[in-house]
């Protein structure tokens, strides 16, 4: 006769590390699609480094740099220059833009309810309230 041993479910489950509450448990990955050849994104930029990273990103003329929160206290900074309309996903909070494009090109965000544009300025970092950022689903730089 074979005896069956029944363990409580908790005893059968593999061990898992407790979530790190200090870094947040609801992080997300912001995306801009498409990113064209030569465009790129820096991930995991700290809040303390965000403005300096935007300034470094937009150092050259003709560049628009967009930073958005990742939900874990860090930011994704996008280096963009191709004039086109793009789709956004996971744009939820902490949006900041430094637009160093030339020829009067603007960075424009829009969604079902809100619209914002940021004119070219080599030294102005524009910020957007979170409830407005959350509405955005499109971006145009041109």
N, C-alpha and C. Protein backbone atom coordinates (compact mmCIF):
# COMPACT_ATOMS: atom_id res chain seq x y z
N UNK A 1 0.83 -1.17 0.00
CA UNK A 1 0.00 0.00 0.00
C UNK A 1 0.89 1.24 0.00
N UNK A 2 0.53 2.23 -0.86
CA UNK A 2 1.29 3.48 -0.94
C UNK A 2 0.51 4.55 -0.22
N UNK A 3 1.19 5.21 0.68
CA UNK A 3 0.53 6.29 1.43
C UNK A 3 0.74 7.59 0.68
N UNK A 4 -0.30 8.35 0.53
CA UNK A 4 -0.22 9.66 -0.11
C UNK A 4 -0.04 10.71 0.97
N UNK A 5 0.88 11.57 0.72
CA UNK A 5 1.12 12.67 1.65
C UNK A 5 0.53 13.92 1.01
N UNK A 6 -0.34 14.57 1.71
CA UNK A 6 -0.97 15.79 1.21
C UNK A 6 -0.40 16.96 1.99
N UNK A 7 0.23 17.88 1.26
CA UNK A 7 0.79 19.08 1.89
C UNK A 7 -0.13 20.26 1.64
N UNK A 8 -0.18 21.16 2.56
CA UNK A 8 -0.94 22.38 2.27
C UNK A 8 -0.35 23.07 1.04
N UNK A 9 -1.19 23.80 0.31
CA UNK A 9 -0.73 24.45 -0.91
C UNK A 9 0.47 25.34 -0.69
N UNK A 10 0.54 26.04 0.40
CA UNK A 10 1.67 26.94 0.68
C UNK A 10 2.96 26.15 0.74
N UNK A 11 2.92 24.95 1.25
CA UNK A 11 4.13 24.15 1.35
C UNK A 11 4.55 23.61 -0.01
N UNK A 12 3.63 23.48 -0.96
CA UNK A 12 3.95 22.95 -2.27
C UNK A 12 4.50 24.01 -3.22
N UNK A 13 4.18 25.25 -3.00
CA UNK A 13 4.58 26.32 -3.91
C UNK A 13 6.07 26.59 -3.78
N UNK A 14 6.73 26.92 -4.90
CA UNK A 14 8.15 27.26 -4.83
C UNK A 14 8.35 28.56 -4.06
N UNK A 15 9.50 28.68 -3.46
CA UNK A 15 9.81 29.89 -2.69
C UNK A 15 9.95 31.07 -3.64
N UNK A 16 9.46 32.22 -3.23
CA UNK A 16 9.58 33.44 -4.02
C UNK A 16 10.04 34.56 -3.11
N UNK A 17 10.84 35.43 -3.68
CA UNK A 17 11.29 36.60 -2.92
C UNK A 17 10.12 37.54 -2.71
N UNK A 18 10.12 38.19 -1.59
CA UNK A 18 9.08 39.20 -1.31
C UNK A 18 9.28 40.38 -2.24
N UNK A 19 8.21 41.04 -2.68
CA UNK A 19 8.38 42.20 -3.55
C UNK A 19 9.16 43.29 -2.84
N UNK A 20 9.97 43.99 -3.59
CA UNK A 20 10.77 45.09 -3.05
C UNK A 20 9.91 46.35 -3.08
N UNK A 21 9.25 46.64 -2.00
CA UNK A 21 8.32 47.77 -1.93
C UNK A 21 9.05 49.09 -2.12
N UNK A 22 10.32 49.16 -1.74
CA UNK A 22 11.07 50.41 -1.88
C UNK A 22 11.20 50.83 -3.34
N UNK A 23 11.29 49.88 -4.26
CA UNK A 23 11.42 50.24 -5.67
C UNK A 23 10.09 50.19 -6.40
N UNK A 24 9.03 49.84 -5.71
CA UNK A 24 7.72 49.82 -6.32
C UNK A 24 7.38 48.45 -6.87
N UNK A 25 6.12 48.15 -6.85
CA UNK A 25 5.68 46.84 -7.32
C UNK A 25 4.88 46.94 -8.60
N UNK A 26 4.70 48.14 -9.13
CA UNK A 26 3.87 48.28 -10.33
C UNK A 26 4.61 49.05 -11.42
N UNK A 27 5.83 48.64 -11.72
CA UNK A 27 6.60 49.31 -12.76
C UNK A 27 6.06 48.95 -14.13
N UNK A 28 6.32 49.80 -15.12
CA UNK A 28 5.90 49.57 -16.49
C UNK A 28 7.01 50.03 -17.42
N UNK A 29 6.91 49.70 -18.68
CA UNK A 29 7.91 50.09 -19.67
C UNK A 29 7.27 51.00 -20.70
N UNK A 30 7.57 52.30 -20.65
CA UNK A 30 7.04 53.22 -21.65
C UNK A 30 7.65 52.92 -23.02
N UNK A 31 6.84 53.05 -24.07
CA UNK A 31 7.30 52.79 -25.43
C UNK A 31 6.82 53.89 -26.38
N UNK A 32 7.67 54.20 -27.34
CA UNK A 32 7.32 55.05 -28.48
C UNK A 32 7.56 54.20 -29.72
N UNK A 33 6.52 54.12 -30.58
CA UNK A 33 6.65 53.30 -31.77
C UNK A 33 6.22 54.09 -32.99
N UNK A 34 7.00 54.10 -34.03
CA UNK A 34 8.30 53.43 -34.15
C UNK A 34 9.43 54.33 -33.65
N UNK A 35 10.54 53.70 -33.31
CA UNK A 35 11.82 54.39 -33.16
C UNK A 35 12.56 54.14 -34.47
N UNK A 36 13.02 55.21 -35.09
CA UNK A 36 13.68 55.09 -36.38
C UNK A 36 15.18 54.89 -36.20
N UNK A 37 15.84 54.49 -37.26
CA UNK A 37 17.29 54.25 -37.23
C UNK A 37 18.00 55.48 -36.66
N UNK A 38 18.85 55.25 -35.68
CA UNK A 38 19.59 56.33 -35.03
C UNK A 38 18.90 56.88 -33.79
N UNK A 39 17.63 56.60 -33.61
CA UNK A 39 16.91 57.01 -32.40
C UNK A 39 17.08 55.91 -31.36
N UNK A 40 17.01 56.29 -30.09
CA UNK A 40 17.21 55.30 -29.04
C UNK A 40 16.57 55.75 -27.74
N UNK A 41 16.64 54.88 -26.74
CA UNK A 41 16.08 55.17 -25.42
C UNK A 41 17.07 54.74 -24.34
N UNK A 42 17.21 55.60 -23.33
CA UNK A 42 17.93 55.25 -22.11
C UNK A 42 16.89 54.82 -21.10
N UNK A 43 17.08 53.69 -20.47
CA UNK A 43 16.16 53.19 -19.44
C UNK A 43 16.78 53.37 -18.07
N UNK A 44 15.93 53.37 -17.06
CA UNK A 44 16.33 53.35 -15.65
C UNK A 44 17.14 54.58 -15.23
N UNK A 45 16.79 55.73 -15.79
CA UNK A 45 17.42 57.00 -15.38
C UNK A 45 16.77 57.43 -14.07
N UNK A 46 17.58 57.75 -13.07
CA UNK A 46 17.01 58.14 -11.78
C UNK A 46 16.37 59.52 -11.89
N UNK A 47 15.50 59.82 -10.95
CA UNK A 47 14.86 61.15 -10.92
C UNK A 47 15.90 62.25 -10.78
N UNK A 48 16.94 62.00 -9.98
CA UNK A 48 17.99 62.99 -9.78
C UNK A 48 18.78 63.25 -11.07
N UNK A 49 18.87 62.25 -11.95
CA UNK A 49 19.63 62.37 -13.20
C UNK A 49 18.78 62.81 -14.40
N UNK A 50 17.45 62.83 -14.24
CA UNK A 50 16.57 63.04 -15.38
C UNK A 50 16.87 64.32 -16.16
N UNK A 51 16.91 65.47 -15.50
CA UNK A 51 17.10 66.74 -16.21
C UNK A 51 18.46 66.79 -16.90
N UNK A 52 19.52 66.30 -16.23
CA UNK A 52 20.84 66.28 -16.86
C UNK A 52 20.87 65.35 -18.06
N UNK A 53 20.16 64.22 -17.97
CA UNK A 53 20.10 63.29 -19.10
C UNK A 53 19.33 63.93 -20.26
N UNK A 54 18.26 64.65 -19.98
CA UNK A 54 17.54 65.37 -21.04
C UNK A 54 18.46 66.39 -21.72
N UNK A 55 19.23 67.13 -20.93
CA UNK A 55 20.15 68.13 -21.50
C UNK A 55 21.24 67.47 -22.34
N UNK A 56 21.77 66.35 -21.87
CA UNK A 56 22.78 65.62 -22.64
C UNK A 56 22.18 65.09 -23.93
N UNK A 57 20.99 64.54 -23.82
CA UNK A 57 20.28 63.97 -24.97
C UNK A 57 20.06 65.02 -26.05
N UNK A 58 19.66 66.22 -25.65
CA UNK A 58 19.29 67.28 -26.60
C UNK A 58 20.44 68.23 -26.90
N UNK A 59 21.65 67.86 -26.56
CA UNK A 59 22.80 68.75 -26.76
C UNK A 59 22.94 69.16 -28.22
N UNK A 60 22.78 68.23 -29.15
CA UNK A 60 22.93 68.56 -30.57
C UNK A 60 21.65 69.19 -31.11
N UNK A 61 21.78 70.13 -32.01
CA UNK A 61 20.62 70.74 -32.66
C UNK A 61 19.85 69.68 -33.45
N UNK A 62 18.53 69.85 -33.50
CA UNK A 62 17.70 68.95 -34.28
C UNK A 62 17.18 67.76 -33.50
N UNK A 63 17.41 67.73 -32.19
CA UNK A 63 17.02 66.58 -31.37
C UNK A 63 15.88 66.97 -30.43
N UNK A 64 14.91 66.08 -30.29
CA UNK A 64 13.86 66.23 -29.29
C UNK A 64 14.03 65.09 -28.29
N UNK A 65 14.01 65.40 -27.02
CA UNK A 65 14.20 64.38 -25.98
C UNK A 65 12.98 64.36 -25.07
N UNK A 66 12.46 63.16 -24.87
CA UNK A 66 11.24 62.95 -24.11
C UNK A 66 11.55 61.99 -22.97
N UNK A 67 11.22 62.40 -21.75
CA UNK A 67 11.41 61.55 -20.58
C UNK A 67 10.04 61.25 -19.97
N UNK A 68 9.85 59.99 -19.55
CA UNK A 68 8.58 59.60 -18.93
C UNK A 68 8.88 58.59 -17.84
N UNK A 69 8.07 58.62 -16.78
CA UNK A 69 8.27 57.73 -15.65
C UNK A 69 7.99 56.27 -15.97
N UNK A 70 8.68 55.39 -15.24
CA UNK A 70 8.54 53.95 -15.38
C UNK A 70 7.75 53.33 -14.23
N UNK A 71 7.30 54.15 -13.28
CA UNK A 71 6.51 53.63 -12.17
C UNK A 71 7.32 53.09 -11.01
N UNK A 72 8.63 53.11 -11.14
CA UNK A 72 9.50 52.60 -10.08
C UNK A 72 10.46 53.67 -9.58
N UNK A 73 10.14 54.94 -9.85
CA UNK A 73 11.02 56.03 -9.45
C UNK A 73 12.09 56.33 -10.48
N UNK A 74 12.09 55.63 -11.58
CA UNK A 74 13.06 55.84 -12.66
C UNK A 74 12.34 56.27 -13.93
N UNK A 75 13.12 56.68 -14.92
CA UNK A 75 12.58 57.26 -16.14
C UNK A 75 13.20 56.62 -17.38
N UNK A 76 12.46 56.66 -18.47
CA UNK A 76 12.96 56.31 -19.80
C UNK A 76 13.11 57.63 -20.56
N UNK A 77 14.27 57.84 -21.17
CA UNK A 77 14.54 59.07 -21.93
C UNK A 77 14.75 58.68 -23.39
N UNK A 78 13.89 59.22 -24.26
CA UNK A 78 13.91 58.91 -25.69
C UNK A 78 14.62 60.01 -26.46
N UNK A 79 15.56 59.65 -27.33
CA UNK A 79 16.33 60.54 -28.19
C UNK A 79 15.71 60.43 -29.59
N UNK A 80 15.02 61.50 -30.02
CA UNK A 80 14.22 61.45 -31.26
C UNK A 80 14.63 62.57 -32.21
N UNK A 81 14.56 62.32 -33.51
CA UNK A 81 14.83 63.40 -34.46
C UNK A 81 14.07 63.27 -35.77
N UNK A 82 13.49 62.13 -36.06
CA UNK A 82 12.78 61.96 -37.33
C UNK A 82 11.38 62.55 -37.24
N UNK A 83 11.07 63.41 -38.18
CA UNK A 83 9.77 64.06 -38.24
C UNK A 83 8.72 63.04 -38.63
N UNK A 84 7.87 62.66 -37.67
CA UNK A 84 6.83 61.67 -37.94
C UNK A 84 5.89 61.60 -36.74
N UNK A 85 4.75 60.94 -36.95
CA UNK A 85 3.79 60.69 -35.87
C UNK A 85 4.05 59.29 -35.33
N UNK A 86 4.02 59.17 -34.01
CA UNK A 86 4.29 57.89 -33.36
C UNK A 86 3.18 57.54 -32.39
N UNK A 87 3.09 56.26 -32.05
CA UNK A 87 2.17 55.76 -31.04
C UNK A 87 2.89 55.66 -29.71
N UNK A 88 2.14 55.87 -28.64
CA UNK A 88 2.70 55.79 -27.28
C UNK A 88 2.03 54.65 -26.52
N UNK A 89 2.78 54.01 -25.66
CA UNK A 89 2.18 53.08 -24.71
C UNK A 89 2.89 53.24 -23.37
N UNK A 90 2.11 53.07 -22.32
CA UNK A 90 2.60 53.19 -20.94
C UNK A 90 3.17 54.57 -20.64
N UNK A 91 2.59 55.60 -21.21
CA UNK A 91 2.93 56.97 -20.83
C UNK A 91 1.96 57.33 -19.72
N UNK A 92 2.43 57.27 -18.49
CA UNK A 92 1.54 57.39 -17.35
C UNK A 92 1.88 58.58 -16.46
N UNK A 93 3.17 58.81 -16.20
CA UNK A 93 3.50 59.92 -15.30
C UNK A 93 4.88 60.51 -15.60
N UNK A 94 5.13 61.63 -14.94
CA UNK A 94 6.44 62.30 -14.94
C UNK A 94 6.96 62.64 -16.34
N UNK A 95 6.09 63.11 -17.23
CA UNK A 95 6.50 63.47 -18.58
C UNK A 95 7.27 64.79 -18.57
N UNK A 96 8.43 64.78 -19.22
CA UNK A 96 9.25 65.99 -19.37
C UNK A 96 9.87 65.96 -20.77
N UNK A 97 9.98 67.14 -21.38
CA UNK A 97 10.46 67.24 -22.76
C UNK A 97 11.46 68.38 -22.86
N UNK A 98 12.57 68.13 -23.56
CA UNK A 98 13.49 69.18 -23.96
C UNK A 98 13.56 69.12 -25.49
N UNK A 99 13.07 70.14 -26.15
CA UNK A 99 12.96 70.18 -27.60
C UNK A 99 14.03 71.10 -28.18
N UNK A 100 15.08 70.53 -28.74
CA UNK A 100 16.15 71.31 -29.34
C UNK A 100 16.14 71.14 -30.87
N UNK A 101 14.94 71.00 -31.44
CA UNK A 101 14.82 70.90 -32.89
C UNK A 101 15.03 72.28 -33.51
N UNK A 102 15.26 72.30 -34.79
CA UNK A 102 15.49 73.56 -35.50
C UNK A 102 14.30 73.89 -36.39
N UNK A 103 14.27 75.11 -36.90
CA UNK A 103 13.25 75.50 -37.86
C UNK A 103 11.86 75.61 -37.28
N UNK A 104 11.75 75.82 -35.98
CA UNK A 104 10.44 75.99 -35.36
C UNK A 104 9.67 74.70 -35.15
N UNK A 105 10.34 73.56 -35.26
CA UNK A 105 9.66 72.27 -35.07
C UNK A 105 9.15 72.14 -33.63
N UNK A 106 7.99 71.54 -33.49
CA UNK A 106 7.35 71.37 -32.19
C UNK A 106 7.27 69.89 -31.83
N UNK A 107 7.20 69.64 -30.54
CA UNK A 107 6.86 68.32 -30.03
C UNK A 107 5.39 68.42 -29.62
N UNK A 108 4.56 67.54 -30.16
CA UNK A 108 3.13 67.58 -29.88
C UNK A 108 2.65 66.22 -29.37
N UNK A 109 1.91 66.25 -28.28
CA UNK A 109 1.29 65.06 -27.71
C UNK A 109 -0.22 65.24 -27.76
N UNK A 110 -0.95 64.16 -28.02
CA UNK A 110 -2.40 64.25 -27.93
C UNK A 110 -3.01 62.88 -27.62
N UNK A 111 -4.22 62.97 -27.12
CA UNK A 111 -5.02 61.79 -26.81
C UNK A 111 -6.47 62.14 -27.01
N UNK A 112 -7.36 61.34 -26.46
CA UNK A 112 -8.79 61.60 -26.65
C UNK A 112 -9.25 62.93 -26.05
N UNK A 113 -8.61 63.37 -24.97
CA UNK A 113 -9.08 64.55 -24.26
C UNK A 113 -8.11 65.72 -24.29
N UNK A 114 -6.81 65.46 -24.18
CA UNK A 114 -5.82 66.54 -24.03
C UNK A 114 -4.87 66.63 -25.21
N UNK A 115 -4.33 67.84 -25.37
CA UNK A 115 -3.34 68.13 -26.41
C UNK A 115 -2.32 69.07 -25.80
N UNK A 116 -1.04 68.82 -26.02
CA UNK A 116 0.02 69.73 -25.56
C UNK A 116 1.09 69.81 -26.64
N UNK A 117 1.66 71.00 -26.81
CA UNK A 117 2.80 71.14 -27.70
C UNK A 117 3.90 71.90 -26.97
N UNK A 118 5.13 71.58 -27.35
CA UNK A 118 6.30 72.19 -26.77
C UNK A 118 7.14 72.78 -27.91
N UNK A 119 7.22 74.10 -28.01
CA UNK A 119 8.03 74.71 -29.06
C UNK A 119 9.52 74.46 -28.81
N UNK A 120 10.30 74.62 -29.86
CA UNK A 120 11.74 74.44 -29.73
C UNK A 120 12.32 75.48 -28.78
N UNK A 121 13.17 75.01 -27.89
CA UNK A 121 13.90 75.86 -26.95
C UNK A 121 15.04 75.02 -26.39
N UNK A 122 16.25 75.47 -26.62
CA UNK A 122 17.41 74.65 -26.23
C UNK A 122 17.62 74.56 -24.73
N UNK A 123 16.89 75.36 -23.94
CA UNK A 123 17.14 75.32 -22.49
C UNK A 123 15.87 75.23 -21.64
N UNK A 124 14.73 74.92 -22.24
CA UNK A 124 13.49 74.80 -21.48
C UNK A 124 13.07 73.34 -21.38
N UNK A 125 12.90 72.87 -20.16
CA UNK A 125 12.37 71.54 -19.94
C UNK A 125 10.90 71.70 -19.60
N UNK A 126 10.04 71.22 -20.49
CA UNK A 126 8.60 71.28 -20.29
C UNK A 126 8.15 70.06 -19.50
N UNK A 127 7.23 70.25 -18.57
CA UNK A 127 6.64 69.14 -17.84
C UNK A 127 5.12 69.15 -18.04
N UNK A 128 4.52 67.99 -17.85
CA UNK A 128 3.08 67.82 -18.09
C UNK A 128 2.49 67.12 -16.88
N UNK A 129 1.32 67.56 -16.38
CA UNK A 129 0.68 66.87 -15.25
C UNK A 129 0.39 65.40 -15.59
N UNK A 130 0.45 64.55 -14.58
CA UNK A 130 0.26 63.12 -14.78
C UNK A 130 -1.09 62.77 -15.41
N UNK A 131 -2.17 63.43 -14.98
CA UNK A 131 -3.49 63.07 -15.52
C UNK A 131 -3.58 63.38 -17.01
N UNK A 132 -2.82 64.37 -17.48
CA UNK A 132 -2.78 64.71 -18.90
C UNK A 132 -1.88 63.71 -19.64
N UNK A 133 -0.73 63.40 -19.06
CA UNK A 133 0.19 62.43 -19.66
C UNK A 133 -0.50 61.10 -19.90
N UNK A 134 -1.29 60.66 -18.93
CA UNK A 134 -1.98 59.38 -19.01
C UNK A 134 -2.94 59.31 -20.21
N UNK A 135 -3.46 60.46 -20.64
CA UNK A 135 -4.39 60.53 -21.76
C UNK A 135 -3.70 60.39 -23.11
N UNK A 136 -2.43 60.74 -23.18
CA UNK A 136 -1.74 60.78 -24.48
C UNK A 136 -1.56 59.40 -25.08
N UNK A 137 -1.83 59.30 -26.39
CA UNK A 137 -1.56 58.06 -27.10
C UNK A 137 -0.82 58.30 -28.42
N UNK A 138 -0.54 59.57 -28.74
CA UNK A 138 0.18 59.93 -29.96
C UNK A 138 1.20 61.03 -29.66
N UNK A 139 2.25 61.02 -30.48
CA UNK A 139 3.32 62.00 -30.40
C UNK A 139 3.73 62.35 -31.82
N UNK A 140 3.96 63.63 -32.06
CA UNK A 140 4.46 64.08 -33.35
C UNK A 140 5.62 65.02 -33.07
N UNK A 141 6.75 64.77 -33.70
CA UNK A 141 7.83 65.75 -33.60
C UNK A 141 8.07 66.30 -35.00
N UNK A 142 7.81 67.57 -35.14
CA UNK A 142 8.03 68.24 -36.43
C UNK A 142 7.50 69.65 -36.38
